[in-house]
Amino acid sequence: PMSQFSLAVTALQHESSFAKAYQNGISKAE
């Protein structure tokens, strides 16, 4: 189950607000 858990959370990275915002060049303060 822990391996499944890790897989699922890694896949959720597709939804990351931070990853998308970082690619758009947000300020460090944000």
ModelCIF file with pLDDT and N, C-alpha, C, O atoms, coordinates in Angstrom:
data_MODEL
#
_entry.id   MODEL 
#
_entity.id                         1 
_entity.type                       polymer 
_entity.pdbx_number_of_molecules   1 
#
_entity_poly.entity_id                      1 
_entity_poly.type                           'polypeptide(L)' 
_entity_poly.nstd_linkage                   no 
_entity_poly.nstd_monomer                   no 
_entity_poly.pdbx_seq_one_letter_code       PMSQFSLAVTALQHESSFAKAYQNGISKAE 
_entity_poly.pdbx_seq_one_letter_code_can   PMSQFSLAVTALQHESSFAKAYQNGISKAE 
_entity_poly.pdbx_strand_id                 A 
#
loop_
_entity_poly_seq.entity_id 
_entity_poly_seq.num 
_entity_poly_seq.mon_id 
_entity_poly_seq.hetero 
1 1  PRO n 
1 2  MET n 
1 3  SER n 
1 4  GLN n 
1 5  PHE n 
1 6  SER n 
1 7  LEU n 
1 8  ALA n 
1 9  VAL n 
1 10 THR n 
1 11 ALA n 
1 12 LEU n 
1 13 GLN n 
1 14 HIS n 
1 15 GLU n 
1 16 SER n 
1 17 SER n 
1 18 PHE n 
1 19 ALA n 
1 20 LYS n 
1 21 ALA n 
1 22 TYR n 
1 23 GLN n 
1 24 ASN n 
1 25 GLY n 
1 26 ILE n 
1 27 SER n 
1 28 LYS n 
1 29 ALA n 
1 30 GLU n 
#
_struct_asym.id          A 
_struct_asym.entity_id   1 
#
loop_
_ma_qa_metric.id 
_ma_qa_metric.mode 
_ma_qa_metric.name 
_ma_qa_metric.software_group_id 
_ma_qa_metric.type 
1 global pLDDT . pLDDT 
2 local  pLDDT . pLDDT 
#
_ma_qa_metric_global.metric_id      1 
_ma_qa_metric_global.metric_value   97.27 
_ma_qa_metric_global.model_id       1 
_ma_qa_metric_global.ordinal_id     1 
#
loop_
_ma_qa_metric_local.label_asym_id 
_ma_qa_metric_local.label_comp_id 
_ma_qa_metric_local.label_seq_id 
_ma_qa_metric_local.metric_id 
_ma_qa_metric_local.metric_value 
_ma_qa_metric_local.model_id 
_ma_qa_metric_local.ordinal_id 
A PRO 1  2 95.00 1 1  
A MET 2  2 95.00 1 2  
A SER 3  2 97.00 1 3  
A GLN 4  2 98.00 1 4  
A PHE 5  2 98.00 1 5  
A SER 6  2 97.00 1 6  
A LEU 7  2 98.00 1 7  
A ALA 8  2 98.00 1 8  
A VAL 9  2 98.00 1 9  
A THR 10 2 98.00 1 10 
A ALA 11 2 98.00 1 11 
A LEU 12 2 98.00 1 12 
A GLN 13 2 98.00 1 13 
A HIS 14 2 97.00 1 14 
A GLU 15 2 97.00 1 15 
A SER 16 2 98.00 1 16 
A SER 17 2 98.00 1 17 
A PHE 18 2 98.00 1 18 
A ALA 19 2 97.00 1 19 
A LYS 20 2 97.00 1 20 
A ALA 21 2 98.00 1 21 
A TYR 22 2 97.00 1 22 
A GLN 23 2 97.00 1 23 
A ASN 24 2 96.00 1 24 
A GLY 25 2 97.00 1 25 
A ILE 26 2 97.00 1 26 
A SER 27 2 97.00 1 27 
A LYS 28 2 97.00 1 28 
A ALA 29 2 97.00 1 29 
A GLU 30 2 97.00 1 30 
#
loop_
_atom_site.group_PDB 
_atom_site.id 
_atom_site.type_symbol 
_atom_site.label_atom_id 
_atom_site.label_alt_id 
_atom_site.label_comp_id 
_atom_site.label_asym_id 
_atom_site.label_entity_id 
_atom_site.label_seq_id 
_atom_site.pdbx_PDB_ins_code 
_atom_site.Cartn_x 
_atom_site.Cartn_y 
_atom_site.Cartn_z 
_atom_site.occupancy 
_atom_site.B_iso_or_equiv 
_atom_site.pdbx_formal_charge 
_atom_site.auth_seq_id 
_atom_site.auth_comp_id 
_atom_site.auth_asym_id 
_atom_site.auth_atom_id 
_atom_site.pdbx_PDB_model_num 
ATOM 1   N N  . PRO A 1 1  ? 0.797  -1.232 0.000   1.00 95.00 ? 1  PRO A N  1 
ATOM 2   C CA . PRO A 1 1  ? 0.000  0.000  0.000   1.00 95.00 ? 1  PRO A CA 1 
ATOM 3   C C  . PRO A 1 1  ? 0.828  1.280  0.000   1.00 95.00 ? 1  PRO A C  1 
ATOM 4   O O  . PRO A 1 1  ? 0.426  2.275  -0.603  1.00 95.00 ? 1  PRO A O  1 
ATOM 5   N N  . MET A 1 2  ? 1.982  1.265  0.671   1.00 95.00 ? 2  MET A N  1 
ATOM 6   C CA . MET A 1 2  ? 2.797  2.478  0.690   1.00 95.00 ? 2  MET A CA 1 
ATOM 7   C C  . MET A 1 2  ? 3.381  2.788  -0.686  1.00 95.00 ? 2  MET A C  1 
ATOM 8   O O  . MET A 1 2  ? 3.521  3.955  -1.051  1.00 95.00 ? 2  MET A O  1 
ATOM 9   N N  . SER A 1 3  ? 3.716  1.764  -1.440  1.00 97.00 ? 3  SER A N  1 
ATOM 10  C CA . SER A 1 3  ? 4.203  1.980  -2.804  1.00 97.00 ? 3  SER A CA 1 
ATOM 11  C C  . SER A 1 3  ? 3.093  2.546  -3.677  1.00 97.00 ? 3  SER A C  1 
ATOM 12  O O  . SER A 1 3  ? 3.338  3.425  -4.503  1.00 97.00 ? 3  SER A O  1 
ATOM 13  N N  . GLN A 1 4  ? 1.873  2.044  -3.498  1.00 98.00 ? 4  GLN A N  1 
ATOM 14  C CA . GLN A 1 4  ? 0.723  2.581  -4.228  1.00 98.00 ? 4  GLN A CA 1 
ATOM 15  C C  . GLN A 1 4  ? 0.471  4.039  -3.838  1.00 98.00 ? 4  GLN A C  1 
ATOM 16  O O  . GLN A 1 4  ? 0.176  4.883  -4.683  1.00 98.00 ? 4  GLN A O  1 
ATOM 17  N N  . PHE A 1 5  ? 0.594  4.309  -2.548  1.00 98.00 ? 5  PHE A N  1 
ATOM 18  C CA . PHE A 1 5  ? 0.386  5.667  -2.029  1.00 98.00 ? 5  PHE A CA 1 
ATOM 19  C C  . PHE A 1 5  ? 1.379  6.631  -2.674  1.00 98.00 ? 5  PHE A C  1 
ATOM 20  O O  . PHE A 1 5  ? 1.001  7.716  -3.117  1.00 98.00 ? 5  PHE A O  1 
ATOM 21  N N  . SER A 1 6  ? 2.633  6.236  -2.723  1.00 97.00 ? 6  SER A N  1 
ATOM 22  C CA . SER A 1 6  ? 3.674  7.082  -3.305  1.00 97.00 ? 6  SER A CA 1 
ATOM 23  C C  . SER A 1 6  ? 3.415  7.328  -4.792  1.00 97.00 ? 6  SER A C  1 
ATOM 24  O O  . SER A 1 6  ? 3.582  8.446  -5.281  1.00 97.00 ? 6  SER A O  1 
ATOM 25  N N  . LEU A 1 7  ? 3.008  6.282  -5.503  1.00 98.00 ? 7  LEU A N  1 
ATOM 26  C CA . LEU A 1 7  ? 2.685  6.427  -6.926  1.00 98.00 ? 7  LEU A CA 1 
ATOM 27  C C  . LEU A 1 7  ? 1.579  7.455  -7.140  1.00 98.00 ? 7  LEU A C  1 
ATOM 28  O O  . LEU A 1 7  ? 1.676  8.326  -8.005  1.00 98.00 ? 7  LEU A O  1 
ATOM 29  N N  . ALA A 1 8  ? 0.519  7.333  -6.329  1.00 98.00 ? 8  ALA A N  1 
ATOM 30  C CA . ALA A 1 8  ? -0.635 8.216  -6.489  1.00 98.00 ? 8  ALA A CA 1 
ATOM 31  C C  . ALA A 1 8  ? -0.285 9.674  -6.214  1.00 98.00 ? 8  ALA A C  1 
ATOM 32  O O  . ALA A 1 8  ? -0.702 10.570 -6.948  1.00 98.00 ? 8  ALA A O  1 
ATOM 33  N N  . VAL A 1 9  ? 0.490  9.905  -5.143  1.00 98.00 ? 9  VAL A N  1 
ATOM 34  C CA . VAL A 1 9  ? 0.855  11.289 -4.802  1.00 98.00 ? 9  VAL A CA 1 
ATOM 35  C C  . VAL A 1 9  ? 1.788  11.877 -5.862  1.00 98.00 ? 9  VAL A C  1 
ATOM 36  O O  . VAL A 1 9  ? 1.669  13.050 -6.217  1.00 98.00 ? 9  VAL A O  1 
ATOM 37  N N  . THR A 1 10 ? 2.707  11.067 -6.361  1.00 98.00 ? 10 THR A N  1 
ATOM 38  C CA . THR A 1 10 ? 3.590  11.548 -7.426  1.00 98.00 ? 10 THR A CA 1 
ATOM 39  C C  . THR A 1 10 ? 2.783  11.930 -8.656  1.00 98.00 ? 10 THR A C  1 
ATOM 40  O O  . THR A 1 10 ? 3.056  12.949 -9.290  1.00 98.00 ? 10 THR A O  1 
ATOM 41  N N  . ALA A 1 11 ? 1.785  11.113 -8.998  1.00 98.00 ? 11 ALA A N  1 
ATOM 42  C CA . ALA A 1 11 ? 0.946  11.408 -10.165 1.00 98.00 ? 11 ALA A CA 1 
ATOM 43  C C  . ALA A 1 11 ? 0.160  12.697 -9.974  1.00 98.00 ? 11 ALA A C  1 
ATOM 44  O O  . ALA A 1 11 ? -0.090 13.422 -10.937 1.00 98.00 ? 11 ALA A O  1 
ATOM 45  N N  . LEU A 1 12 ? -0.231 12.987 -8.727  1.00 98.00 ? 12 LEU A N  1 
ATOM 46  C CA . LEU A 1 12 ? -0.973 14.225 -8.441  1.00 98.00 ? 12 LEU A CA 1 
ATOM 47  C C  . LEU A 1 12 ? -0.140 15.477 -8.719  1.00 98.00 ? 12 LEU A C  1 
ATOM 48  O O  . LEU A 1 12 ? -0.684 16.578 -8.797  1.00 98.00 ? 12 LEU A O  1 
ATOM 49  N N  . GLN A 1 13 ? 1.160  15.315 -8.867  1.00 98.00 ? 13 GLN A N  1 
ATOM 50  C CA . GLN A 1 13 ? 2.017  16.461 -9.135  1.00 98.00 ? 13 GLN A CA 1 
ATOM 51  C C  . GLN A 1 13 ? 1.571  17.214 -10.386 1.00 98.00 ? 13 GLN A C  1 
ATOM 52  O O  . GLN A 1 13 ? 1.874  18.396 -10.554 1.00 98.00 ? 13 GLN A O  1 
ATOM 53  N N  . HIS A 1 14 ? 0.860  16.525 -11.246 1.00 97.00 ? 14 HIS A N  1 
ATOM 54  C CA . HIS A 1 14 ? 0.309  17.158 -12.441 1.00 97.00 ? 14 HIS A CA 1 
ATOM 55  C C  . HIS A 1 14 ? -0.604 18.324 -12.089 1.00 97.00 ? 14 HIS A C  1 
ATOM 56  O O  . HIS A 1 14 ? -0.806 19.226 -12.902 1.00 97.00 ? 14 HIS A O  1 
ATOM 57  N N  . GLU A 1 15 ? -1.171 18.305 -10.842 1.00 97.00 ? 15 GLU A N  1 
ATOM 58  C CA . GLU A 1 15 ? -2.107 19.329 -10.403 1.00 97.00 ? 15 GLU A CA 1 
ATOM 59  C C  . GLU A 1 15 ? -1.430 20.479 -9.648  1.00 97.00 ? 15 GLU A C  1 
ATOM 60  O O  . GLU A 1 15 ? -2.110 21.406 -9.208  1.00 97.00 ? 15 GLU A O  1 
ATOM 61  N N  . SER A 1 16 ? -0.129 20.434 -9.495  1.00 98.00 ? 16 SER A N  1 
ATOM 62  C CA . SER A 1 16 ? 0.572  21.383 -8.622  1.00 98.00 ? 16 SER A CA 1 
ATOM 63  C C  . SER A 1 16 ? 0.442  22.837 -9.073  1.00 98.00 ? 16 SER A C  1 
ATOM 64  O O  . SER A 1 16 ? 0.858  23.206 -10.171 1.00 98.00 ? 16 SER A O  1 
ATOM 65  N N  . SER A 1 17 ? -0.141 23.645 -8.201  1.00 98.00 ? 17 SER A N  1 
ATOM 66  C CA . SER A 1 17 ? -0.241 25.089 -8.455  1.00 98.00 ? 17 SER A CA 1 
ATOM 67  C C  . SER A 1 17 ? 1.142  25.727 -8.442  1.00 98.00 ? 17 SER A C  1 
ATOM 68  O O  . SER A 1 17 ? 1.437  26.611 -9.246  1.00 98.00 ? 17 SER A O  1 
ATOM 69  N N  . PHE A 1 18 ? 1.997  25.264 -7.510  1.00 98.00 ? 18 PHE A N  1 
ATOM 70  C CA . PHE A 1 18 ? 3.335  25.845 -7.405  1.00 98.00 ? 18 PHE A CA 1 
ATOM 71  C C  . PHE A 1 18 ? 4.154  25.572 -8.666  1.00 98.00 ? 18 PHE A C  1 
ATOM 72  O O  . PHE A 1 18 ? 4.786  26.478 -9.207  1.00 98.00 ? 18 PHE A O  1 
ATOM 73  N N  . ALA A 1 19 ? 4.140  24.315 -9.133  1.00 97.00 ? 19 ALA A N  1 
ATOM 74  C CA . ALA A 1 19 ? 4.934  23.963 -10.310 1.00 97.00 ? 19 ALA A CA 1 
ATOM 75  C C  . ALA A 1 19 ? 4.511  24.801 -11.518 1.00 97.00 ? 19 ALA A C  1 
ATOM 76  O O  . ALA A 1 19 ? 5.357  25.262 -12.285 1.00 97.00 ? 19 ALA A O  1 
ATOM 77  N N  . LYS A 1 20 ? 3.199  24.998 -11.683 1.00 97.00 ? 20 LYS A N  1 
ATOM 78  C CA . LYS A 1 20 ? 2.703  25.785 -12.818 1.00 97.00 ? 20 LYS A CA 1 
ATOM 79  C C  . LYS A 1 20 ? 3.070  27.259 -12.663 1.00 97.00 ? 20 LYS A C  1 
ATOM 80  O O  . LYS A 1 20 ? 3.479  27.914 -13.622 1.00 97.00 ? 20 LYS A O  1 
ATOM 81  N N  . ALA A 1 21 ? 2.918  27.773 -11.434 1.00 98.00 ? 21 ALA A N  1 
ATOM 82  C CA . ALA A 1 21 ? 3.238  29.181 -11.199 1.00 98.00 ? 21 ALA A CA 1 
ATOM 83  C C  . ALA A 1 21 ? 4.731  29.443 -11.370 1.00 98.00 ? 21 ALA A C  1 
ATOM 84  O O  . ALA A 1 21 ? 5.129  30.479 -11.902 1.00 98.00 ? 21 ALA A O  1 
ATOM 85  N N  . TYR A 1 22 ? 5.550  28.502 -10.918 1.00 97.00 ? 22 TYR A N  1 
ATOM 86  C CA . TYR A 1 22 ? 6.998  28.669 -11.048 1.00 97.00 ? 22 TYR A CA 1 
ATOM 87  C C  . TYR A 1 22 ? 7.397  28.754 -12.519 1.00 97.00 ? 22 TYR A C  1 
ATOM 88  O O  . TYR A 1 22 ? 8.249  29.560 -12.893 1.00 97.00 ? 22 TYR A O  1 
ATOM 89  N N  . GLN A 1 23 ? 6.780  27.922 -13.342 1.00 97.00 ? 23 GLN A N  1 
ATOM 90  C CA . GLN A 1 23 ? 7.078  27.946 -14.772 1.00 97.00 ? 23 GLN A CA 1 
ATOM 91  C C  . GLN A 1 23 ? 6.673  29.271 -15.412 1.00 97.00 ? 23 GLN A C  1 
ATOM 92  O O  . GLN A 1 23 ? 7.211  29.671 -16.444 1.00 97.00 ? 23 GLN A O  1 
ATOM 93  N N  . ASN A 1 24 ? 5.717  29.938 -14.779 1.00 96.00 ? 24 ASN A N  1 
ATOM 94  C CA . ASN A 1 24 ? 5.269  31.244 -15.298 1.00 96.00 ? 24 ASN A CA 1 
ATOM 95  C C  . ASN A 1 24 ? 6.102  32.398 -14.762 1.00 96.00 ? 24 ASN A C  1 
ATOM 96  O O  . ASN A 1 24 ? 5.861  33.554 -15.111 1.00 96.00 ? 24 ASN A O  1 
ATOM 97  N N  . GLY A 1 25 ? 7.099  32.086 -13.900 1.00 97.00 ? 25 GLY A N  1 
ATOM 98  C CA . GLY A 1 25 ? 8.030  33.109 -13.449 1.00 97.00 ? 25 GLY A CA 1 
ATOM 99  C C  . GLY A 1 25 ? 7.559  33.963 -12.299 1.00 97.00 ? 25 GLY A C  1 
ATOM 100 O O  . GLY A 1 25 ? 7.765  35.176 -12.309 1.00 97.00 ? 25 GLY A O  1 
ATOM 101 N N  . ILE A 1 26 ? 6.920  33.350 -11.288 1.00 97.00 ? 26 ILE A N  1 
ATOM 102 C CA . ILE A 1 26 ? 6.460  34.134 -10.139 1.00 97.00 ? 26 ILE A CA 1 
ATOM 103 C C  . ILE A 1 26 ? 7.634  34.602 -9.289  1.00 97.00 ? 26 ILE A C  1 
ATOM 104 O O  . ILE A 1 26 ? 8.727  34.039 -9.346  1.00 97.00 ? 26 ILE A O  1 
ATOM 105 N N  . SER A 1 27 ? 7.389  35.629 -8.510  1.00 97.00 ? 27 SER A N  1 
ATOM 106 C CA . SER A 1 27 ? 8.397  36.173 -7.598  1.00 97.00 ? 27 SER A CA 1 
ATOM 107 C C  . SER A 1 27 ? 8.615  35.218 -6.428  1.00 97.00 ? 27 SER A C  1 
ATOM 108 O O  . SER A 1 27 ? 7.696  34.503 -6.028  1.00 97.00 ? 27 SER A O  1 
ATOM 109 N N  . LYS A 1 28 ? 9.823  35.205 -5.882  1.00 97.00 ? 28 LYS A N  1 
ATOM 110 C CA . LYS A 1 28 ? 10.105 34.397 -4.700  1.00 97.00 ? 28 LYS A CA 1 
ATOM 111 C C  . LYS A 1 28 ? 9.167  34.717 -3.555  1.00 97.00 ? 28 LYS A C  1 
ATOM 112 O O  . LYS A 1 28 ? 8.811  33.837 -2.772  1.00 97.00 ? 28 LYS A O  1 
ATOM 113 N N  . ALA A 1 29 ? 8.770  35.967 -3.455  1.00 97.00 ? 29 ALA A N  1 
ATOM 114 C CA . ALA A 1 29 ? 7.881  36.392 -2.368  1.00 97.00 ? 29 ALA A CA 1 
ATOM 115 C C  . ALA A 1 29 ? 6.517  35.717 -2.455  1.00 97.00 ? 29 ALA A C  1 
ATOM 116 O O  . ALA A 1 29 ? 5.770  35.695 -1.476  1.00 97.00 ? 29 ALA A O  1 
ATOM 117 N N  . GLU A 1 30 ? 6.191  35.169 -3.614  1.00 97.00 ? 30 GLU A N  1 
ATOM 118 C CA . GLU A 1 30 ? 4.886  34.523 -3.809  1.00 97.00 ? 30 GLU A CA 1 
ATOM 119 C C  . GLU A 1 30 ? 4.950  33.001 -3.676  1.00 97.00 ? 30 GLU A C  1 
ATOM 120 O O  . GLU A 1 30 ? 3.930  32.326 -3.815  1.00 97.00 ? 30 GLU A O  1 
#
